[in-house]
Amino acid sequence: MKAFELITVDIKDHIALVTMNRPPVNALSNELAMELVATFLDLKNNPEVRVVVITSSQKVFVAGADIAMMKGITETKDIGKMLDYGRRLQYANSILEDMPKPTIAVINGHSMGGGTELALFCDFRFIAEKATIGLPEINLGLLPGAGGIQKIVRAIGRTKALRLMLEGKALSAQEALSLGLVEEICTTENLMESAMELAKDLAQQAPVAVAEIKKCVNAAMELERDSSLMYDVRGLGELSITEDAEEGLQAFLEKRPAAFKGI
């Protein structure tokens, strides 16, 4: 892994723990956005990594965009800079969504704007019971530009998504759970432990099959039925000739846990 200034990556037992560290609130500057892109690309291509867990070393997950930076852009009316910034964040989130490995957001504190967008592009979200989550860009005269509109509409439907973004209010952890934006609420003390339990379970699964299932799920969300079905059957065919499939079937017959190698 490359050395970064605002992100640390610890890899153990096939699980990569990505920790954002831009005091005091992990505001999404261009520098942090670029490091997220580089980190996600490295992890995507690292055969030792089977699961990616993303969290923060600060008391918040991500407070949102770097407001001082955004103010500078609006003052100069430099649309190009704003587009570059938005596309950079979109690229980071797209890498997450297309990652051939499960991704888990551990929302240890308040998550607003771009932080919520980043979390929405992860496969699973664990949130601390006292944390809040929201897309308050409307309060700044802006909108969620890192891909969050696409994700929130698909997650909770047009009407609820529109109200959430137009009101710009922060949701409690329980409200986020009720809407289906997070999978589990945890105490601060057991938040990481709970997320890591899932990560450890997923790291034991066949990596090639995990990648194919994620690809098929994404296709099911984006494509019409017949095209999506072709992804499923093609994926099944490709998996059937892997060593992992052979091992999985043999282990089942021998009534023992499978030892998958990712090949």
C-alpha atoms as a PDB file:
ATOM      1  CA  MET A   1       0.000   0.000   0.000  1.00  0.00           C
ATOM      2  CA  LYS A   2       1.064   3.574  -0.677  1.00  0.00           C
ATOM      3  CA  ALA A   3       1.636   5.901   2.256  1.00  0.00           C
ATOM      4  CA  PHE A   4      -1.075   8.523   2.699  1.00  0.00           C
ATOM      5  CA  GLU A   5      -1.312  11.614   4.885  1.00  0.00           C
ATOM      6  CA  LEU A   6      -5.052  11.589   5.604  1.00  0.00           C
ATOM      7  CA  ILE A   7      -5.835   7.864   5.491  1.00  0.00           C
ATOM      8  CA  THR A   8      -4.381   4.804   7.175  1.00  0.00           C
ATOM      9  CA  VAL A   9      -4.941   1.253   5.947  1.00  0.00           C
ATOM     10  CA  ASP A  10      -4.426  -1.801   8.133  1.00  0.00           C
ATOM     11  CA  ILE A  11      -4.773  -5.232   6.537  1.00  0.00           C
ATOM     12  CA  LYS A  12      -5.237  -8.315   8.696  1.00  0.00           C
ATOM     13  CA  ASP A  13      -6.864 -11.672   7.986  1.00  0.00           C
ATOM     14  CA  HIS A  14      -7.939 -10.484   4.513  1.00  0.00           C
ATOM     15  CA  ILE A  15      -9.778  -7.463   5.979  1.00  0.00           C
ATOM     16  CA  ALA A  16      -8.639  -3.928   5.127  1.00  0.00           C
ATOM     17  CA  LEU A  17      -9.513  -1.308   7.720  1.00  0.00           C
ATOM     18  CA  VAL A  18      -9.527   2.136   6.106  1.00  0.00           C
ATOM     19  CA  THR A  19      -9.444   4.975   8.638  1.00  0.00           C
ATOM     20  CA  MET A  20      -9.951   8.582   7.556  1.00  0.00           C
ATOM     21  CA  ASN A  21      -7.965  11.074   9.623  1.00  0.00           C
ATOM     22  CA  ARG A  22      -8.377  14.706   8.629  1.00  0.00           C
ATOM     23  CA  PRO A  23      -8.933  16.634  11.862  1.00  0.00           C
ATOM     24  CA  PRO A  24     -11.181  17.866  13.169  1.00  0.00           C
ATOM     25  CA  VAL A  25     -14.143  16.486  11.192  1.00  0.00           C
ATOM     26  CA  ASN A  26     -12.809  14.726   8.068  1.00  0.00           C
ATOM     27  CA  ALA A  27     -14.104  17.475   5.792  1.00  0.00           C
ATOM     28  CA  LEU A  28     -13.833  16.217   2.225  1.00  0.00           C
ATOM     29  CA  SER A  29     -11.085  18.311   0.699  1.00  0.00           C
ATOM     30  CA  ASN A  30      -9.648  17.661  -2.735  1.00  0.00           C
ATOM     31  CA  GLU A  31      -6.657  16.056  -1.016  1.00  0.00           C
ATOM     32  CA  LEU A  32      -8.808  13.627   0.972  1.00  0.00           C
ATOM     33  CA  ALA A  33     -10.881  12.856  -2.117  1.00  0.00           C
ATOM     34  CA  MET A  34      -7.730  12.016  -4.083  1.00  0.00           C
ATOM     35  CA  GLU A  35      -6.457   9.781  -1.298  1.00  0.00           C
ATOM     36  CA  LEU A  36      -9.804   7.968  -1.174  1.00  0.00           C
ATOM     37  CA  VAL A  37      -9.578   7.289  -4.909  1.00  0.00           C
ATOM     38  CA  ALA A  38      -6.015   5.974  -4.638  1.00  0.00           C
ATOM     39  CA  THR A  39      -6.836   3.876  -1.568  1.00  0.00           C
ATOM     40  CA  PHE A  40      -9.910   2.269  -3.095  1.00  0.00           C
ATOM     41  CA  LEU A  41      -8.059   1.466  -6.327  1.00  0.00           C
ATOM     42  CA  ASP A  42      -5.215  -0.155  -4.381  1.00  0.00           C
ATOM     43  CA  LEU A  43      -7.623  -2.270  -2.331  1.00  0.00           C
ATOM     44  CA  LYS A  44      -9.663  -3.227  -5.366  1.00  0.00           C
ATOM     45  CA  ASN A  45      -6.572  -4.692  -6.988  1.00  0.00           C
ATOM     46  CA  ASN A  46      -5.045  -6.257  -3.867  1.00  0.00           C
ATOM     47  CA  PRO A  47      -5.622 -10.035  -3.966  1.00  0.00           C
ATOM     48  CA  GLU A  48      -4.943 -10.317  -0.225  1.00  0.00           C
ATOM     49  CA  VAL A  49      -7.942  -8.130   0.606  1.00  0.00           C
ATOM     50  CA  ARG A  50     -11.392  -9.735   0.679  1.00  0.00           C
ATOM     51  CA  VAL A  51     -13.375  -7.172   2.694  1.00  0.00           C
ATOM     52  CA  VAL A  52     -13.007  -3.391   3.074  1.00  0.00           C
ATOM     53  CA  VAL A  53     -14.125  -1.601   6.262  1.00  0.00           C
ATOM     54  CA  ILE A  54     -14.222   2.219   6.282  1.00  0.00           C
ATOM     55  CA  THR A  55     -14.329   4.371   9.405  1.00  0.00           C
ATOM     56  CA  SER A  56     -12.945   7.532  11.010  1.00  0.00           C
ATOM     57  CA  SER A  57     -10.413   8.349  13.708  1.00  0.00           C
ATOM     58  CA  GLN A  58     -12.322  11.539  14.526  1.00  0.00           C
ATOM     59  CA  LYS A  59     -15.460  11.950  16.640  1.00  0.00           C
ATOM     60  CA  VAL A  60     -17.444  12.276  13.417  1.00  0.00           C
ATOM     61  CA  PHE A  61     -17.492   9.984  10.391  1.00  0.00           C
ATOM     62  CA  VAL A  62     -17.376  12.735   7.766  1.00  0.00           C
ATOM     63  CA  ALA A  63     -18.878  16.194   8.307  1.00  0.00           C
ATOM     64  CA  GLY A  64     -19.298  16.734   4.558  1.00  0.00           C
ATOM     65  CA  ALA A  65     -17.486  18.865   2.029  1.00  0.00           C
ATOM     66  CA  ASP A  66     -14.689  21.259   2.946  1.00  0.00           C
ATOM     67  CA  ILE A  67     -16.817  24.403   3.292  1.00  0.00           C
ATOM     68  CA  ALA A  68     -13.901  26.850   3.113  1.00  0.00           C
ATOM     69  CA  MET A  69     -12.774  25.249  -0.137  1.00  0.00           C
ATOM     70  CA  MET A  70     -16.310  25.303  -1.537  1.00  0.00           C
ATOM     71  CA  LYS A  71     -16.696  28.980  -0.578  1.00  0.00           C
ATOM     72  CA  GLY A  72     -13.533  29.800  -2.476  1.00  0.00           C
ATOM     73  CA  ILE A  73     -14.880  28.087  -5.576  1.00  0.00           C
ATOM     74  CA  THR A  74     -18.241  29.882  -5.426  1.00  0.00           C
ATOM     75  CA  GLU A  75     -16.544  33.263  -4.924  1.00  0.00           C
ATOM     76  CA  THR A  76     -14.467  32.821  -8.072  1.00  0.00           C
ATOM     77  CA  LYS A  77     -17.424  31.368 -10.007  1.00  0.00           C
ATOM     78  CA  ASP A  78     -15.083  28.615 -11.236  1.00  0.00           C
ATOM     79  CA  ILE A  79     -17.546  25.965 -12.391  1.00  0.00           C
ATOM     80  CA  GLY A  80     -14.697  23.837 -13.707  1.00  0.00           C
ATOM     81  CA  LYS A  81     -13.186  23.439 -10.243  1.00  0.00           C
ATOM     82  CA  MET A  82     -16.547  22.464  -8.783  1.00  0.00           C
ATOM     83  CA  LEU A  83     -17.110  19.909 -11.530  1.00  0.00           C
ATOM     84  CA  ASP A  84     -13.631  18.447 -11.013  1.00  0.00           C
ATOM     85  CA  TYR A  85     -14.267  18.152  -7.282  1.00  0.00           C
ATOM     86  CA  GLY A  86     -17.668  16.536  -7.761  1.00  0.00           C
ATOM     87  CA  ARG A  87     -16.405  14.089 -10.349  1.00  0.00           C
ATOM     88  CA  ARG A  88     -13.482  13.125  -8.100  1.00  0.00           C
ATOM     89  CA  LEU A  89     -15.871  12.253  -5.294  1.00  0.00           C
ATOM     90  CA  GLN A  90     -18.142  10.419  -7.722  1.00  0.00           C
ATOM     91  CA  TYR A  91     -15.175   8.412  -8.963  1.00  0.00           C
ATOM     92  CA  ALA A  92     -14.206   7.388  -5.423  1.00  0.00           C
ATOM     93  CA  ASN A  93     -17.773   6.304  -4.701  1.00  0.00           C
ATOM     94  CA  SER A  94     -18.083   4.450  -8.011  1.00  0.00           C
ATOM     95  CA  ILE A  95     -14.951   2.453  -7.208  1.00  0.00           C
ATOM     96  CA  LEU A  96     -16.595   1.511  -3.915  1.00  0.00           C
ATOM     97  CA  GLU A  97     -19.817   0.436  -5.588  1.00  0.00           C
ATOM     98  CA  ASP A  98     -17.997  -1.636  -8.208  1.00  0.00           C
ATOM     99  CA  MET A  99     -15.478  -3.062  -5.724  1.00  0.00           C
ATOM    100  CA  PRO A 100     -15.422  -6.867  -6.230  1.00  0.00           C
ATOM    101  CA  LYS A 101     -15.303  -7.203  -2.444  1.00  0.00           C
ATOM    102  CA  PRO A 102     -17.836  -6.406   0.299  1.00  0.00           C
ATOM    103  CA  THR A 103     -17.516  -2.906   1.742  1.00  0.00           C
ATOM    104  CA  ILE A 104     -18.700  -1.862   5.193  1.00  0.00           C
ATOM    105  CA  ALA A 105     -19.099   1.690   6.490  1.00  0.00           C
ATOM    106  CA  VAL A 106     -18.637   2.027  10.246  1.00  0.00           C
ATOM    107  CA  ILE A 107     -20.349   5.337  10.993  1.00  0.00           C
ATOM    108  CA  ASN A 108     -18.850   6.115  14.372  1.00  0.00           C
ATOM    109  CA  GLY A 109     -20.145   9.695  14.537  1.00  0.00           C
ATOM    110  CA  HIS A 110     -22.189  12.264  12.655  1.00  0.00           C
ATOM    111  CA  SER A 111     -22.201  11.768   8.879  1.00  0.00           C
ATOM    112  CA  MET A 112     -23.353  14.595   6.654  1.00  0.00           C
ATOM    113  CA  GLY A 113     -23.350  15.384   2.956  1.00  0.00           C
ATOM    114  CA  GLY A 114     -20.444  13.741   1.182  1.00  0.00           C
ATOM    115  CA  GLY A 115     -19.865  11.459   4.154  1.00  0.00           C
ATOM    116  CA  THR A 116     -23.390  10.099   3.860  1.00  0.00           C
ATOM    117  CA  GLU A 117     -22.892   9.682   0.122  1.00  0.00           C
ATOM    118  CA  LEU A 118     -19.699   7.712   0.713  1.00  0.00           C
ATOM    119  CA  ALA A 119     -21.487   5.477   3.231  1.00  0.00           C
ATOM    120  CA  LEU A 120     -24.397   4.898   0.829  1.00  0.00           C
ATOM    121  CA  PHE A 121     -21.993   3.523  -1.762  1.00  0.00           C
ATOM    122  CA  CYS A 122     -20.786   0.884   0.698  1.00  0.00           C
ATOM    123  CA  ASP A 123     -22.581  -2.456   0.760  1.00  0.00           C
ATOM    124  CA  PHE A 124     -23.354  -2.361   4.490  1.00  0.00           C
ATOM    125  CA  ARG A 125     -23.615   0.407   7.079  1.00  0.00           C
ATOM    126  CA  PHE A 126     -23.229   0.133  10.854  1.00  0.00           C
ATOM    127  CA  ILE A 127     -24.002   3.280  12.840  1.00  0.00           C
ATOM    128  CA  ALA A 128     -23.357   4.372  16.427  1.00  0.00           C
ATOM    129  CA  GLU A 129     -26.564   4.880  18.374  1.00  0.00           C
ATOM    130  CA  LYS A 130     -25.888   8.580  19.008  1.00  0.00           C
ATOM    131  CA  ALA A 131     -24.714   9.380  15.476  1.00  0.00           C
ATOM    132  CA  THR A 132     -26.814  11.225  12.924  1.00  0.00           C
ATOM    133  CA  ILE A 133     -26.867  11.015   9.148  1.00  0.00           C
ATOM    134  CA  GLY A 134     -28.157  13.342   6.482  1.00  0.00           C
ATOM    135  CA  LEU A 135     -27.862  15.220   3.207  1.00  0.00           C
ATOM    136  CA  PRO A 136     -28.106  18.885   4.248  1.00  0.00           C
ATOM    137  CA  GLU A 137     -26.662  20.462   1.085  1.00  0.00           C
ATOM    138  CA  ILE A 138     -29.917  22.367   0.458  1.00  0.00           C
ATOM    139  CA  ASN A 139     -29.095  24.492   3.516  1.00  0.00           C
ATOM    140  CA  LEU A 140     -26.003  25.730   1.650  1.00  0.00           C
ATOM    141  CA  GLY A 141     -27.860  26.352  -1.586  1.00  0.00           C
ATOM    142  CA  LEU A 142     -26.274  23.243  -3.097  1.00  0.00           C
ATOM    143  CA  LEU A 143     -27.111  19.572  -3.761  1.00  0.00           C
ATOM    144  CA  PRO A 144     -25.496  16.170  -3.105  1.00  0.00           C
ATOM    145  CA  GLY A 145     -23.168  15.931  -6.087  1.00  0.00           C
ATOM    146  CA  ALA A 146     -21.086  12.844  -5.298  1.00  0.00           C
ATOM    147  CA  GLY A 147     -23.687  10.342  -6.486  1.00  0.00           C
ATOM    148  CA  GLY A 148     -25.862  10.412  -3.387  1.00  0.00           C
ATOM    149  CA  ILE A 149     -29.029  11.432  -5.208  1.00  0.00           C
ATOM    150  CA  GLN A 150     -28.891   8.270  -7.324  1.00  0.00           C
ATOM    151  CA  LYS A 151     -28.314   6.067  -4.290  1.00  0.00           C
ATOM    152  CA  ILE A 152     -30.860   7.653  -1.954  1.00  0.00           C
ATOM    153  CA  VAL A 153     -33.660   7.521  -4.528  1.00  0.00           C
ATOM    154  CA  ARG A 154     -33.000   3.837  -5.199  1.00  0.00           C
ATOM    155  CA  ALA A 155     -32.742   3.117  -1.472  1.00  0.00           C
ATOM    156  CA  ILE A 156     -35.894   4.783  -0.155  1.00  0.00           C
ATOM    157  CA  GLY A 157     -37.897   5.919  -3.172  1.00  0.00           C
ATOM    158  CA  ARG A 158     -38.487   9.279  -4.832  1.00  0.00           C
ATOM    159  CA  THR A 159     -40.816  10.915  -2.316  1.00  0.00           C
ATOM    160  CA  LYS A 160     -38.886  10.092   0.855  1.00  0.00           C
ATOM    161  CA  ALA A 161     -35.575  10.912  -0.827  1.00  0.00           C
ATOM    162  CA  LEU A 162     -36.886  14.244  -2.082  1.00  0.00           C
ATOM    163  CA  ARG A 163     -38.213  15.225   1.335  1.00  0.00           C
ATOM    164  CA  LEU A 164     -34.954  14.234   3.032  1.00  0.00           C
ATOM    165  CA  MET A 165     -32.891  16.356   0.663  1.00  0.00           C
ATOM    166  CA  LEU A 166     -35.265  19.336   0.484  1.00  0.00           C
ATOM    167  CA  GLU A 167     -35.688  19.576   4.251  1.00  0.00           C
ATOM    168  CA  GLY A 168     -31.977  19.067   4.821  1.00  0.00           C
ATOM    169  CA  LYS A 169     -32.514  17.635   8.286  1.00  0.00           C
ATOM    170  CA  ALA A 170     -30.243  15.179  10.069  1.00  0.00           C
ATOM    171  CA  LEU A 171     -31.737  11.774  10.821  1.00  0.00           C
ATOM    172  CA  SER A 172     -31.166   9.950  14.066  1.00  0.00           C
ATOM    173  CA  ALA A 173     -29.667   6.479  13.904  1.00  0.00           C
ATOM    174  CA  GLN A 174     -33.131   5.001  14.563  1.00  0.00           C
ATOM    175  CA  GLU A 175     -34.725   7.082  11.791  1.00  0.00           C
ATOM    176  CA  ALA A 176     -31.973   5.985   9.395  1.00  0.00           C
ATOM    177  CA  LEU A 177     -32.599   2.358  10.335  1.00  0.00           C
ATOM    178  CA  SER A 178     -36.352   2.738   9.829  1.00  0.00           C
ATOM    179  CA  LEU A 179     -35.771   4.122   6.333  1.00  0.00           C
ATOM    180  CA  GLY A 180     -33.356   1.315   5.483  1.00  0.00           C
ATOM    181  CA  LEU A 181     -30.310   3.562   5.174  1.00  0.00           C
ATOM    182  CA  VAL A 182     -28.306   1.541   7.709  1.00  0.00           C
ATOM    183  CA  GLU A 183     -28.297  -2.137   8.627  1.00  0.00           C
ATOM    184  CA  GLU A 184     -27.496  -2.027  12.323  1.00  0.00           C
ATOM    185  CA  ILE A 185     -27.366   0.387  15.262  1.00  0.00           C
ATOM    186  CA  CYS A 186     -24.664  -0.286  17.827  1.00  0.00           C
ATOM    187  CA  THR A 187     -23.350   1.264  20.996  1.00  0.00           C
ATOM    188  CA  THR A 188     -20.091   3.147  20.595  1.00  0.00           C
ATOM    189  CA  GLU A 189     -18.335   0.384  22.493  1.00  0.00           C
ATOM    190  CA  ASN A 190     -19.458  -2.502  20.267  1.00  0.00           C
ATOM    191  CA  LEU A 191     -19.738  -0.683  16.929  1.00  0.00           C
ATOM    192  CA  MET A 192     -16.433  -1.801  15.419  1.00  0.00           C
ATOM    193  CA  GLU A 193     -16.695  -5.261  16.953  1.00  0.00           C
ATOM    194  CA  SER A 194     -20.110  -5.801  15.359  1.00  0.00           C
ATOM    195  CA  ALA A 195     -18.922  -4.617  11.965  1.00  0.00           C
ATOM    196  CA  MET A 196     -15.821  -6.784  12.183  1.00  0.00           C
ATOM    197  CA  GLU A 197     -17.920  -9.858  12.970  1.00  0.00           C
ATOM    198  CA  LEU A 198     -19.636  -9.424   9.623  1.00  0.00           C
ATOM    199  CA  ALA A 199     -16.321  -8.650   7.908  1.00  0.00           C
ATOM    200  CA  LYS A 200     -14.758 -11.848   9.275  1.00  0.00           C
ATOM    201  CA  ASP A 201     -17.720 -13.922   8.097  1.00  0.00           C
ATOM    202  CA  LEU A 202     -17.567 -12.422   4.613  1.00  0.00           C
ATOM    203  CA  ALA A 203     -13.795 -12.852   4.418  1.00  0.00           C
ATOM    204  CA  GLN A 204     -14.308 -16.616   4.704  1.00  0.00           C
ATOM    205  CA  GLN A 205     -16.505 -16.776   1.594  1.00  0.00           C
ATOM    206  CA  ALA A 206     -15.216 -17.608  -1.878  1.00  0.00           C
ATOM    207  CA  PRO A 207     -13.762 -14.324  -3.192  1.00  0.00           C
ATOM    208  CA  VAL A 208     -14.525 -15.027  -6.839  1.00  0.00           C
ATOM    209  CA  ALA A 209     -18.131 -15.905  -6.038  1.00  0.00           C
ATOM    210  CA  VAL A 210     -18.456 -12.785  -3.874  1.00  0.00           C
ATOM    211  CA  ALA A 211     -17.268 -10.640  -6.788  1.00  0.00           C
ATOM    212  CA  GLU A 212     -19.710 -12.289  -9.207  1.00  0.00           C
ATOM    213  CA  ILE A 213     -22.641 -11.917  -6.815  1.00  0.00           C
ATOM    214  CA  LYS A 214     -21.872  -8.217  -6.337  1.00  0.00           C
ATOM    215  CA  LYS A 215     -21.666  -7.780 -10.108  1.00  0.00           C
ATOM    216  CA  CYS A 216     -25.032  -9.502 -10.565  1.00  0.00           C
ATOM    217  CA  VAL A 217     -26.674  -7.490  -7.792  1.00  0.00           C
ATOM    218  CA  ASN A 218     -25.480  -4.246  -9.361  1.00  0.00           C
ATOM    219  CA  ALA A 219     -26.803  -5.407 -12.715  1.00  0.00           C
ATOM    220  CA  ALA A 220     -30.155  -6.258 -11.134  1.00  0.00           C
ATOM    221  CA  MET A 221     -30.355  -2.680  -9.836  1.00  0.00           C
ATOM    222  CA  GLU A 222     -29.416  -1.050 -13.124  1.00  0.00           C
ATOM    223  CA  LEU A 223     -30.588  -3.246 -16.018  1.00  0.00           C
ATOM    224  CA  GLU A 224     -33.890  -4.605 -17.248  1.00  0.00           C
ATOM    225  CA  ARG A 225     -34.771  -8.179 -16.314  1.00  0.00           C
ATOM    226  CA  ASP A 226     -33.506 -10.198 -19.294  1.00  0.00           C
ATOM    227  CA  SER A 227     -30.133  -8.465 -19.399  1.00  0.00           C
ATOM    228  CA  SER A 228     -29.777  -8.929 -15.650  1.00  0.00           C
ATOM    229  CA  LEU A 229     -30.607 -12.628 -15.947  1.00  0.00           C
ATOM    230  CA  MET A 230     -27.780 -13.025 -18.448  1.00  0.00           C
ATOM    231  CA  TYR A 231     -25.351 -11.684 -15.840  1.00  0.00           C
ATOM    232  CA  ASP A 232     -26.578 -14.349 -13.423  1.00  0.00           C
ATOM    233  CA  VAL A 233     -26.248 -17.335 -15.723  1.00  0.00           C
ATOM    234  CA  ARG A 234     -22.941 -16.148 -17.192  1.00  0.00           C
ATOM    235  CA  GLY A 235     -21.593 -15.660 -13.673  1.00  0.00           C
ATOM    236  CA  LEU A 236     -22.719 -19.146 -12.681  1.00  0.00           C
ATOM    237  CA  GLY A 237     -20.928 -20.612 -15.681  1.00  0.00           C
ATOM    238  CA  GLU A 238     -17.704 -18.764 -14.968  1.00  0.00           C
ATOM    239  CA  LEU A 239     -17.757 -19.792 -11.313  1.00  0.00           C
ATOM    240  CA  SER A 240     -18.345 -23.438 -12.150  1.00  0.00           C
ATOM    241  CA  ILE A 241     -14.812 -23.804 -13.521  1.00  0.00           C
ATOM    242  CA  THR A 242     -13.039 -22.178 -10.562  1.00  0.00           C
ATOM    243  CA  GLU A 243     -11.014 -24.057  -7.988  1.00  0.00           C
ATOM    244  CA  ASP A 244     -13.106 -22.416  -5.279  1.00  0.00           C
ATOM    245  CA  ALA A 245     -16.272 -24.022  -6.657  1.00  0.00           C
ATOM    246  CA  GLU A 246     -14.580 -27.397  -6.777  1.00  0.00           C
ATOM    247  CA  GLU A 247     -13.386 -26.928  -3.190  1.00  0.00           C
ATOM    248  CA  GLY A 248     -16.791 -25.754  -2.011  1.00  0.00           C
ATOM    249  CA  LEU A 249     -18.589 -28.759  -3.469  1.00  0.00           C
ATOM    250  CA  GLN A 250     -15.980 -31.188  -2.165  1.00  0.00           C
ATOM    251  CA  ALA A 251     -16.102 -29.641   1.305  1.00  0.00           C
ATOM    252  CA  PHE A 252     -19.891 -29.975   1.337  1.00  0.00           C
ATOM    253  CA  LEU A 253     -19.687 -33.653   0.457  1.00  0.00           C
ATOM    254  CA  GLU A 254     -17.017 -34.198   3.096  1.00  0.00           C
ATOM    255  CA  LYS A 255     -19.009 -32.220   5.688  1.00  0.00           C
ATOM    256  CA  ARG A 256     -16.161 -29.805   6.459  1.00  0.00           C
ATOM    257  CA  PRO A 257     -15.603 -26.048   6.140  1.00  0.00           C
ATOM    258  CA  ALA A 258     -14.348 -24.977   2.719  1.00  0.00           C
ATOM    259  CA  ALA A 259     -10.921 -23.364   2.392  1.00  0.00           C
ATOM    260  CA  PHE A 260     -11.333 -20.880  -0.433  1.00  0.00           C
ATOM    261  CA  LYS A 261      -8.285 -19.439  -2.209  1.00  0.00           C
ATOM    262  CA  GLY A 262      -9.899 -16.960  -4.562  1.00  0.00           C
ATOM    263  CA  ILE A 263      -9.044 -18.851  -7.731  1.00  0.00           C
END
